[in-house]
Structure formats: structure tokens, C-alpha cells
Amino acid sequence: MIAFFGFWGGVARLYGTHLLASPWNTLTINLLGAFLLPMWTGFLGPRLAKNRHWLVLGVGTGFFGAFTTFSSFCLDFVKLIIANQLTSALAYLGISIIGGVLVAWLGVTVAQRLTMKEMRF
């Protein structure tokens, strides 16, 4: 299941890379994935997949693992440095790291609040 969903995550990433000019496509996809992964594992997956933990794992690890990549992030950062775009490289690095942590935190927070709201009803 991880390989199956990994294939589709890679396809989604490939499609996404054509929407924006690099390296900003990598940044956008990685931030989106950092938000959606905790939403999937903390709220959507358990509800949609019910007792099929293999599906939650397959989508979480496979799809989002292939959709977001650390190697593309590093390569784009190095390309900016080689192109002598130091300001852009540092902005890209800062937004990727700080933004990634913030949107992951937001995803966890939203998933927790949705769960708590669901438990009240």
C-alpha cells in the first residue's frame, strides 16, 4: 500500500511542479504536505479508513512521503546558492523550515480541535 500510494503521491508532486516555477513549487508542495499529513493521520484517515490502519499508513507514509521530499528542498536550496541568489536561498530555507513547522503544528491543532468538536456531539 505504501508503494501504491507512493506512486500517486509522486504523480501529484509531478503535476504540482508544473504549476509554479522552481524552487517555489517545492516549497508550496512541502508546506501543503506538512499541513495535510497531520490532518490525515490525526483526523481524516482514522475516520475515513475506520479500522484499516494499513490505509492510514499507506496514504500517510506512501502518498505524503512521495508528495513531499527533503531531497528536492535541498537541491533547490543549493541551486539558488549556485545561481548567486543568496537572499532568495536564505528566504527559501527560513520559510521552508519555520513555515513547515508552523503548518505542521497548524495541521495537528486543527485535527485535534475537529476531534474534540466531534466528541462533543
C-alpha atoms as a PDB file:
ATOM      1  CA  MET A   1       0.000   0.000   0.000  1.00  0.00           C
ATOM      2  CA  ILE A   2       2.884   2.349   0.720  1.00  0.00           C
ATOM      3  CA  ALA A   3       4.287   1.757  -2.785  1.00  0.00           C
ATOM      4  CA  PHE A   4       0.853   2.120  -4.373  1.00  0.00           C
ATOM      5  CA  PHE A   5       0.112   5.415  -2.651  1.00  0.00           C
ATOM      6  CA  GLY A   6       3.735   6.489  -3.105  1.00  0.00           C
ATOM      7  CA  PHE A   7       3.206   6.230  -6.845  1.00  0.00           C
ATOM      8  CA  TRP A   8       0.183   8.533  -6.646  1.00  0.00           C
ATOM      9  CA  GLY A   9       1.995  10.940  -4.347  1.00  0.00           C
ATOM     10  CA  GLY A  10       4.793  11.141  -6.907  1.00  0.00           C
ATOM     11  CA  VAL A  11       2.282  11.766  -9.693  1.00  0.00           C
ATOM     12  CA  ALA A  12       0.649  14.540  -7.639  1.00  0.00           C
ATOM     13  CA  ARG A  13       4.056  16.067  -6.962  1.00  0.00           C
ATOM     14  CA  LEU A  14       4.992  15.938 -10.645  1.00  0.00           C
ATOM     15  CA  TYR A  15       1.753  17.683 -11.562  1.00  0.00           C
ATOM     16  CA  GLY A  16       2.309  20.250  -8.810  1.00  0.00           C
ATOM     17  CA  THR A  17       5.825  21.066 -10.003  1.00  0.00           C
ATOM     18  CA  HIS A  18       4.397  22.274 -13.302  1.00  0.00           C
ATOM     19  CA  LEU A  19       2.132  24.836 -11.623  1.00  0.00           C
ATOM     20  CA  LEU A  20       4.855  27.121 -10.219  1.00  0.00           C
ATOM     21  CA  ALA A  21       8.442  27.893 -11.111  1.00  0.00           C
ATOM     22  CA  SER A  22      11.047  26.014  -9.065  1.00  0.00           C
ATOM     23  CA  PRO A  23      12.024  26.294  -6.195  1.00  0.00           C
ATOM     24  CA  TRP A  24       8.716  27.773  -5.094  1.00  0.00           C
ATOM     25  CA  ASN A  25       6.802  24.712  -6.266  1.00  0.00           C
ATOM     26  CA  THR A  26       8.813  22.546  -3.877  1.00  0.00           C
ATOM     27  CA  LEU A  27       8.160  24.988  -1.045  1.00  0.00           C
ATOM     28  CA  THR A  28       4.419  25.095  -1.742  1.00  0.00           C
ATOM     29  CA  ILE A  29       4.105  21.315  -2.020  1.00  0.00           C
ATOM     30  CA  ASN A  30       6.171  20.708   1.115  1.00  0.00           C
ATOM     31  CA  LEU A  31       4.153  23.215   3.166  1.00  0.00           C
ATOM     32  CA  LEU A  32       0.898  21.746   1.890  1.00  0.00           C
ATOM     33  CA  GLY A  33       2.102  18.241   2.740  1.00  0.00           C
ATOM     34  CA  ALA A  34       3.289  19.358   6.194  1.00  0.00           C
ATOM     35  CA  PHE A  35      -0.245  20.574   6.910  1.00  0.00           C
ATOM     36  CA  LEU A  36      -2.134  17.702   5.308  1.00  0.00           C
ATOM     37  CA  LEU A  37      -0.129  14.811   6.805  1.00  0.00           C
ATOM     38  CA  PRO A  38      -1.147  15.543  10.427  1.00  0.00           C
ATOM     39  CA  MET A  39      -4.695  16.245   9.253  1.00  0.00           C
ATOM     40  CA  TRP A  40      -4.725  12.817   7.569  1.00  0.00           C
ATOM     41  CA  THR A  41      -3.127  10.861  10.415  1.00  0.00           C
ATOM     42  CA  GLY A  42      -4.841  12.755  13.232  1.00  0.00           C
ATOM     43  CA  PHE A  43      -8.355  13.232  11.902  1.00  0.00           C
ATOM     44  CA  LEU A  44      -9.313  12.315   8.332  1.00  0.00           C
ATOM     45  CA  GLY A  45      -7.566   8.968   7.975  1.00  0.00           C
ATOM     46  CA  PRO A  46      -8.926   7.320  11.109  1.00  0.00           C
ATOM     47  CA  ARG A  47     -12.450   8.429  10.216  1.00  0.00           C
ATOM     48  CA  LEU A  48     -12.389   7.581   6.525  1.00  0.00           C
ATOM     49  CA  ALA A  49     -10.404   4.367   6.834  1.00  0.00           C
ATOM     50  CA  LYS A  50     -12.045   3.242  10.098  1.00  0.00           C
ATOM     51  CA  ASN A  51     -10.201   0.075  11.219  1.00  0.00           C
ATOM     52  CA  ARG A  52      -7.993  -0.167   8.139  1.00  0.00           C
ATOM     53  CA  HIS A  53      -4.729   1.015   9.683  1.00  0.00           C
ATOM     54  CA  TRP A  54      -2.869  -0.153   6.586  1.00  0.00           C
ATOM     55  CA  LEU A  55      -4.749   2.505   4.596  1.00  0.00           C
ATOM     56  CA  VAL A  56      -3.890   5.275   7.054  1.00  0.00           C
ATOM     57  CA  LEU A  57      -0.250   4.185   6.926  1.00  0.00           C
ATOM     58  CA  GLY A  58      -0.258   3.742   3.150  1.00  0.00           C
ATOM     59  CA  VAL A  59      -1.594   7.210   2.472  1.00  0.00           C
ATOM     60  CA  GLY A  60       0.413   8.881   5.248  1.00  0.00           C
ATOM     61  CA  THR A  61       3.762   7.289   4.514  1.00  0.00           C
ATOM     62  CA  GLY A  62       3.320   6.483   0.832  1.00  0.00           C
ATOM     63  CA  PHE A  63       1.369   9.387  -0.625  1.00  0.00           C
ATOM     64  CA  PHE A  64       2.642  12.196   1.588  1.00  0.00           C
ATOM     65  CA  GLY A  65       6.153  10.750   1.692  1.00  0.00           C
ATOM     66  CA  ALA A  66       6.346  10.861  -2.096  1.00  0.00           C
ATOM     67  CA  PHE A  67       4.406  14.123  -2.374  1.00  0.00           C
ATOM     68  CA  THR A  68       6.844  15.984  -0.146  1.00  0.00           C
ATOM     69  CA  THR A  69      10.574  15.471  -0.457  1.00  0.00           C
ATOM     70  CA  PHE A  70      13.550  16.636   1.521  1.00  0.00           C
ATOM     71  CA  SER A  71      15.890  15.976  -1.381  1.00  0.00           C
ATOM     72  CA  SER A  72      14.051  18.391  -3.704  1.00  0.00           C
ATOM     73  CA  PHE A  73      14.115  21.020  -0.980  1.00  0.00           C
ATOM     74  CA  CYS A  74      17.884  20.619  -0.563  1.00  0.00           C
ATOM     75  CA  LEU A  75      18.530  20.619  -4.306  1.00  0.00           C
ATOM     76  CA  ASP A  76      16.503  23.789  -4.850  1.00  0.00           C
ATOM     77  CA  PHE A  77      18.334  25.488  -1.982  1.00  0.00           C
ATOM     78  CA  VAL A  78      21.723  24.568  -3.463  1.00  0.00           C
ATOM     79  CA  LYS A  79      20.619  25.718  -6.939  1.00  0.00           C
ATOM     80  CA  LEU A  80      19.751  29.144  -5.525  1.00  0.00           C
ATOM     81  CA  ILE A  81      23.177  29.402  -3.886  1.00  0.00           C
ATOM     82  CA  ILE A  82      24.961  28.316  -7.078  1.00  0.00           C
ATOM     83  CA  ALA A  83      22.927  30.925  -9.015  1.00  0.00           C
ATOM     84  CA  ASN A  84      24.286  33.501  -6.536  1.00  0.00           C
ATOM     85  CA  GLN A  85      20.799  34.239  -5.194  1.00  0.00           C
ATOM     86  CA  LEU A  86      21.805  34.187  -1.548  1.00  0.00           C
ATOM     87  CA  THR A  87      18.885  36.308  -0.305  1.00  0.00           C
ATOM     88  CA  SER A  88      16.377  34.049  -2.052  1.00  0.00           C
ATOM     89  CA  ALA A  89      18.205  30.963  -0.788  1.00  0.00           C
ATOM     90  CA  LEU A  90      18.073  32.161   2.819  1.00  0.00           C
ATOM     91  CA  ALA A  91      14.416  33.177   2.490  1.00  0.00           C
ATOM     92  CA  TYR A  92      13.639  29.778   0.962  1.00  0.00           C
ATOM     93  CA  LEU A  93      15.482  27.998   3.779  1.00  0.00           C
ATOM     94  CA  GLY A  94      13.779  30.025   6.505  1.00  0.00           C
ATOM     95  CA  ILE A  95      10.295  29.741   5.041  1.00  0.00           C
ATOM     96  CA  SER A  96      10.760  26.007   4.457  1.00  0.00           C
ATOM     97  CA  ILE A  97      11.918  25.231   7.982  1.00  0.00           C
ATOM     98  CA  ILE A  98       9.879  27.689  10.030  1.00  0.00           C
ATOM     99  CA  GLY A  99       6.867  27.513   7.722  1.00  0.00           C
ATOM    100  CA  GLY A 100       6.991  23.710   7.686  1.00  0.00           C
ATOM    101  CA  VAL A 101       6.975  23.514  11.464  1.00  0.00           C
ATOM    102  CA  LEU A 102       4.195  26.091  11.718  1.00  0.00           C
ATOM    103  CA  VAL A 103       1.882  24.449   9.180  1.00  0.00           C
ATOM    104  CA  ALA A 104       2.528  21.013  10.709  1.00  0.00           C
ATOM    105  CA  TRP A 105       1.593  22.477  14.099  1.00  0.00           C
ATOM    106  CA  LEU A 106      -1.490  24.037  12.491  1.00  0.00           C
ATOM    107  CA  GLY A 107      -2.453  20.674  10.982  1.00  0.00           C
ATOM    108  CA  VAL A 108      -2.114  18.933  14.345  1.00  0.00           C
ATOM    109  CA  THR A 109      -4.075  21.690  16.085  1.00  0.00           C
ATOM    110  CA  VAL A 110      -6.900  21.654  13.524  1.00  0.00           C
ATOM    111  CA  ALA A 111      -7.094  17.844  13.664  1.00  0.00           C
ATOM    112  CA  GLN A 112      -7.247  17.921  17.483  1.00  0.00           C
ATOM    113  CA  ARG A 113      -9.947  20.593  17.510  1.00  0.00           C
ATOM    114  CA  LEU A 114     -12.024  18.752  14.936  1.00  0.00           C
ATOM    115  CA  THR A 115     -11.711  15.600  17.037  1.00  0.00           C
ATOM    116  CA  MET A 116     -12.753  17.444  20.197  1.00  0.00           C
ATOM    117  CA  LYS A 117     -15.680  19.073  18.382  1.00  0.00           C
ATOM    118  CA  GLU A 118     -16.755  15.670  17.051  1.00  0.00           C
ATOM    119  CA  MET A 119     -16.605  14.167  20.569  1.00  0.00           C
ATOM    120  CA  ARG A 120     -18.948  16.866  21.920  1.00  0.00           C
ATOM    121  CA  PHE A 121     -21.705  15.786  19.527  1.00  0.00           C
END
